[in-house]
Amino acid sequence: MQKKFLILLIITGALFPNLFCLADDSFLKEKDPLQNIADKSGYSIDVSEYSLSQSIGGYIKAVLGILGVIFFVLTFYAGFLWLTASGDETKIGKAKNIIMAATIGLAIIFMSYGITNMVVNAINKSSTPAPVGK
């Protein structure tokens, strides 16, 4: 199991090296309402142009990208297993189970992204001050 995980990590690092280095810091330029809440609660950061919600969003994006790669690898492996089954019902059943589990996992990933997006938008909307004069 550890060998498979290590191979998957190497493949992910080779195919998507930009997930592991945040060379583009353009997303760190704006200060958002979630950072204002963090500042008021006593959470301090040394970097003055750092945005808490944008960095959390970056980490979530990286994790979702890795999970997408895992889904692809599982689906590819199950398809290969099915094609090489030669009519063996146990291998075909195993391949079907892997595809079903990977699809359910992908659905859970999409739902978790939707819930996270909804919560972050609600926090941003509630923490944004109302316009003066209205």
C-alpha atoms as a PDB file:
ATOM      1  CA  MET A   1       0.000   0.000   0.000  1.00  0.00           C
ATOM      2  CA  GLN A   2       2.837   2.397   0.849  1.00  0.00           C
ATOM      3  CA  LYS A   3       4.566   1.575  -2.416  1.00  0.00           C
ATOM      4  CA  LYS A   4       1.394   2.391  -4.393  1.00  0.00           C
ATOM      5  CA  PHE A   5       0.993   5.678  -2.526  1.00  0.00           C
ATOM      6  CA  LEU A   6       4.611   6.611  -3.168  1.00  0.00           C
ATOM      7  CA  ILE A   7       4.266   5.829  -6.875  1.00  0.00           C
ATOM      8  CA  LEU A   8       1.058   7.892  -7.029  1.00  0.00           C
ATOM      9  CA  LEU A   9       2.774  10.794  -5.268  1.00  0.00           C
ATOM     10  CA  ILE A  10       5.712  10.670  -7.707  1.00  0.00           C
ATOM     11  CA  ILE A  11       3.386  10.587 -10.717  1.00  0.00           C
ATOM     12  CA  THR A  12       1.330  13.473  -9.315  1.00  0.00           C
ATOM     13  CA  GLY A  13       4.462  15.493  -8.648  1.00  0.00           C
ATOM     14  CA  ALA A  14       5.753  14.829 -12.148  1.00  0.00           C
ATOM     15  CA  LEU A  15       2.497  15.680 -13.901  1.00  0.00           C
ATOM     16  CA  PHE A  16       1.456  18.629 -11.751  1.00  0.00           C
ATOM     17  CA  PRO A  17       4.553  20.303 -10.284  1.00  0.00           C
ATOM     18  CA  ASN A  18       2.742  23.629  -9.977  1.00  0.00           C
ATOM     19  CA  LEU A  19       0.593  22.172  -7.189  1.00  0.00           C
ATOM     20  CA  PHE A  20       3.608  21.910  -4.918  1.00  0.00           C
ATOM     21  CA  CYS A  21       5.150  25.315  -5.502  1.00  0.00           C
ATOM     22  CA  LEU A  22       3.169  28.511  -5.337  1.00  0.00           C
ATOM     23  CA  ALA A  23       5.417  30.536  -7.614  1.00  0.00           C
ATOM     24  CA  ASP A  24       2.612  32.836  -8.749  1.00  0.00           C
ATOM     25  CA  ASP A  25       1.812  35.120  -5.832  1.00  0.00           C
ATOM     26  CA  SER A  26      -0.693  37.293  -7.672  1.00  0.00           C
ATOM     27  CA  PHE A  27      -3.532  35.810  -5.616  1.00  0.00           C
ATOM     28  CA  LEU A  28      -1.925  37.233  -2.445  1.00  0.00           C
ATOM     29  CA  LYS A  29      -2.345  40.896  -3.434  1.00  0.00           C
ATOM     30  CA  GLU A  30      -5.892  41.698  -2.227  1.00  0.00           C
ATOM     31  CA  LYS A  31      -7.105  41.713   1.356  1.00  0.00           C
ATOM     32  CA  ASP A  32     -10.518  40.151   1.722  1.00  0.00           C
ATOM     33  CA  PRO A  33     -13.262  40.216   4.374  1.00  0.00           C
ATOM     34  CA  LEU A  34     -12.270  36.857   5.834  1.00  0.00           C
ATOM     35  CA  GLN A  35      -8.801  38.236   6.547  1.00  0.00           C
ATOM     36  CA  ASN A  36     -10.411  41.229   8.278  1.00  0.00           C
ATOM     37  CA  ILE A  37     -12.298  38.836  10.563  1.00  0.00           C
ATOM     38  CA  ALA A  38      -9.066  36.979  11.306  1.00  0.00           C
ATOM     39  CA  ASP A  39      -7.324  40.258  12.142  1.00  0.00           C
ATOM     40  CA  LYS A  40     -10.121  41.316  14.523  1.00  0.00           C
ATOM     41  CA  SER A  41     -10.030  37.962  16.302  1.00  0.00           C
ATOM     42  CA  GLY A  42      -6.336  38.350  17.091  1.00  0.00           C
ATOM     43  CA  TYR A  43      -4.965  36.152  14.344  1.00  0.00           C
ATOM     44  CA  SER A  44      -1.922  37.958  12.996  1.00  0.00           C
ATOM     45  CA  ILE A  45       0.262  37.229  10.001  1.00  0.00           C
ATOM     46  CA  ASP A  46       3.670  38.773   9.315  1.00  0.00           C
ATOM     47  CA  VAL A  47       3.051  39.121   5.582  1.00  0.00           C
ATOM     48  CA  SER A  48       1.059  42.322   5.015  1.00  0.00           C
ATOM     49  CA  GLU A  49      -0.398  41.352   1.632  1.00  0.00           C
ATOM     50  CA  TYR A  50      -1.514  37.875   2.710  1.00  0.00           C
ATOM     51  CA  SER A  51      -5.142  36.833   2.317  1.00  0.00           C
ATOM     52  CA  LEU A  52      -6.363  34.009   4.530  1.00  0.00           C
ATOM     53  CA  SER A  53      -9.324  32.897   2.440  1.00  0.00           C
ATOM     54  CA  GLN A  54      -7.319  33.008  -0.783  1.00  0.00           C
ATOM     55  CA  SER A  55      -4.586  30.838   0.672  1.00  0.00           C
ATOM     56  CA  ILE A  56      -7.139  28.367   2.056  1.00  0.00           C
ATOM     57  CA  GLY A  57      -8.786  28.367  -1.355  1.00  0.00           C
ATOM     58  CA  GLY A  58      -5.409  27.637  -2.934  1.00  0.00           C
ATOM     59  CA  TYR A  59      -4.883  24.660  -0.652  1.00  0.00           C
ATOM     60  CA  ILE A  60      -8.394  23.383  -1.351  1.00  0.00           C
ATOM     61  CA  LYS A  61      -7.741  23.746  -5.083  1.00  0.00           C
ATOM     62  CA  ALA A  62      -4.503  21.776  -4.779  1.00  0.00           C
ATOM     63  CA  VAL A  63      -6.158  18.999  -2.775  1.00  0.00           C
ATOM     64  CA  LEU A  64      -9.046  18.799  -5.240  1.00  0.00           C
ATOM     65  CA  GLY A  65      -6.556  18.575  -8.107  1.00  0.00           C
ATOM     66  CA  ILE A  66      -4.742  15.709  -6.422  1.00  0.00           C
ATOM     67  CA  LEU A  67      -8.048  13.951  -5.729  1.00  0.00           C
ATOM     68  CA  GLY A  68      -8.989  14.348  -9.386  1.00  0.00           C
ATOM     69  CA  VAL A  69      -5.726  12.687 -10.383  1.00  0.00           C
ATOM     70  CA  ILE A  70      -6.431   9.855  -7.938  1.00  0.00           C
ATOM     71  CA  PHE A  71      -9.903   9.421  -9.491  1.00  0.00           C
ATOM     72  CA  PHE A  72      -8.352   9.252 -12.960  1.00  0.00           C
ATOM     73  CA  VAL A  73      -5.726   6.714 -11.871  1.00  0.00           C
ATOM     74  CA  LEU A  74      -8.347   4.525 -10.177  1.00  0.00           C
ATOM     75  CA  THR A  75     -10.615   4.657 -13.216  1.00  0.00           C
ATOM     76  CA  PHE A  76      -7.729   3.862 -15.540  1.00  0.00           C
ATOM     77  CA  TYR A  77      -6.631   0.956 -13.330  1.00  0.00           C
ATOM     78  CA  ALA A  78     -10.173  -0.443 -13.171  1.00  0.00           C
ATOM     79  CA  GLY A  79     -10.539  -0.173 -16.946  1.00  0.00           C
ATOM     80  CA  PHE A  80      -7.221  -1.936 -17.458  1.00  0.00           C
ATOM     81  CA  LEU A  81      -8.247  -4.635 -14.987  1.00  0.00           C
ATOM     82  CA  TRP A  82     -11.556  -5.108 -16.792  1.00  0.00           C
ATOM     83  CA  LEU A  83      -9.901  -5.309 -20.210  1.00  0.00           C
ATOM     84  CA  THR A  84      -7.385  -7.888 -19.047  1.00  0.00           C
ATOM     85  CA  ALA A  85      -9.933  -9.968 -17.114  1.00  0.00           C
ATOM     86  CA  SER A  86     -10.407 -12.434 -19.997  1.00  0.00           C
ATOM     87  CA  GLY A  87     -13.906 -13.261 -18.839  1.00  0.00           C
ATOM     88  CA  ASP A  88     -12.940 -13.852 -15.191  1.00  0.00           C
ATOM     89  CA  GLU A  89     -15.987 -12.716 -13.226  1.00  0.00           C
ATOM     90  CA  THR A  90     -14.025 -11.966 -10.042  1.00  0.00           C
ATOM     91  CA  LYS A  91     -11.715  -9.520 -11.855  1.00  0.00           C
ATOM     92  CA  ILE A  92     -14.668  -7.923 -13.650  1.00  0.00           C
ATOM     93  CA  GLY A  93     -16.511  -7.579 -10.339  1.00  0.00           C
ATOM     94  CA  LYS A  94     -13.428  -6.039  -8.738  1.00  0.00           C
ATOM     95  CA  ALA A  95     -13.125  -3.564 -11.620  1.00  0.00           C
ATOM     96  CA  LYS A  96     -16.802  -2.617 -11.329  1.00  0.00           C
ATOM     97  CA  ASN A  97     -16.424  -2.084  -7.589  1.00  0.00           C
ATOM     98  CA  ILE A  98     -13.384   0.140  -8.100  1.00  0.00           C
ATOM     99  CA  ILE A  99     -15.197   2.228 -10.721  1.00  0.00           C
ATOM    100  CA  MET A 100     -18.260   2.547  -8.490  1.00  0.00           C
ATOM    101  CA  ALA A 101     -16.181   3.527  -5.443  1.00  0.00           C
ATOM    102  CA  ALA A 102     -14.169   6.058  -7.484  1.00  0.00           C
ATOM    103  CA  THR A 103     -17.359   7.591  -8.894  1.00  0.00           C
ATOM    104  CA  ILE A 104     -18.914   7.858  -5.433  1.00  0.00           C
ATOM    105  CA  GLY A 105     -15.699   9.448  -4.188  1.00  0.00           C
ATOM    106  CA  LEU A 106     -15.780  11.960  -7.032  1.00  0.00           C
ATOM    107  CA  ALA A 107     -19.396  12.828  -6.191  1.00  0.00           C
ATOM    108  CA  ILE A 108     -18.391  13.373  -2.555  1.00  0.00           C
ATOM    109  CA  ILE A 109     -15.534  15.618  -3.706  1.00  0.00           C
ATOM    110  CA  PHE A 110     -17.893  17.729  -5.824  1.00  0.00           C
ATOM    111  CA  MET A 111     -20.388  18.018  -2.972  1.00  0.00           C
ATOM    112  CA  SER A 112     -17.681  19.009  -0.485  1.00  0.00           C
ATOM    113  CA  TYR A 113     -16.424  21.648  -2.915  1.00  0.00           C
ATOM    114  CA  GLY A 114     -19.963  22.996  -3.312  1.00  0.00           C
ATOM    115  CA  ILE A 115     -20.514  23.158   0.449  1.00  0.00           C
ATOM    116  CA  THR A 116     -17.138  24.828   0.996  1.00  0.00           C
ATOM    117  CA  ASN A 117     -17.841  27.348  -1.758  1.00  0.00           C
ATOM    118  CA  MET A 118     -21.269  28.108  -0.290  1.00  0.00           C
ATOM    119  CA  VAL A 119     -19.851  28.651   3.222  1.00  0.00           C
ATOM    120  CA  VAL A 120     -17.009  30.885   2.015  1.00  0.00           C
ATOM    121  CA  ASN A 121     -19.417  32.974  -0.081  1.00  0.00           C
ATOM    122  CA  ALA A 122     -21.750  33.326   2.910  1.00  0.00           C
ATOM    123  CA  ILE A 123     -18.861  34.437   5.133  1.00  0.00           C
ATOM    124  CA  ASN A 124     -17.662  36.934   2.534  1.00  0.00           C
ATOM    125  CA  LYS A 125     -21.183  38.276   2.035  1.00  0.00           C
ATOM    126  CA  SER A 126     -21.888  38.628   5.759  1.00  0.00           C
ATOM    127  CA  SER A 127     -18.538  40.238   6.543  1.00  0.00           C
ATOM    128  CA  THR A 128     -18.646  42.782   3.721  1.00  0.00           C
ATOM    129  CA  PRO A 129     -19.761  46.151   5.108  1.00  0.00           C
ATOM    130  CA  ALA A 130     -22.912  47.678   3.685  1.00  0.00           C
ATOM    131  CA  PRO A 131     -22.510  50.750   1.459  1.00  0.00           C
ATOM    132  CA  VAL A 132     -22.793  54.048   3.305  1.00  0.00           C
ATOM    133  CA  GLY A 133     -26.002  55.982   2.654  1.00  0.00           C
ATOM    134  CA  LYS A 134     -28.283  53.045   1.899  1.00  0.00           C
END
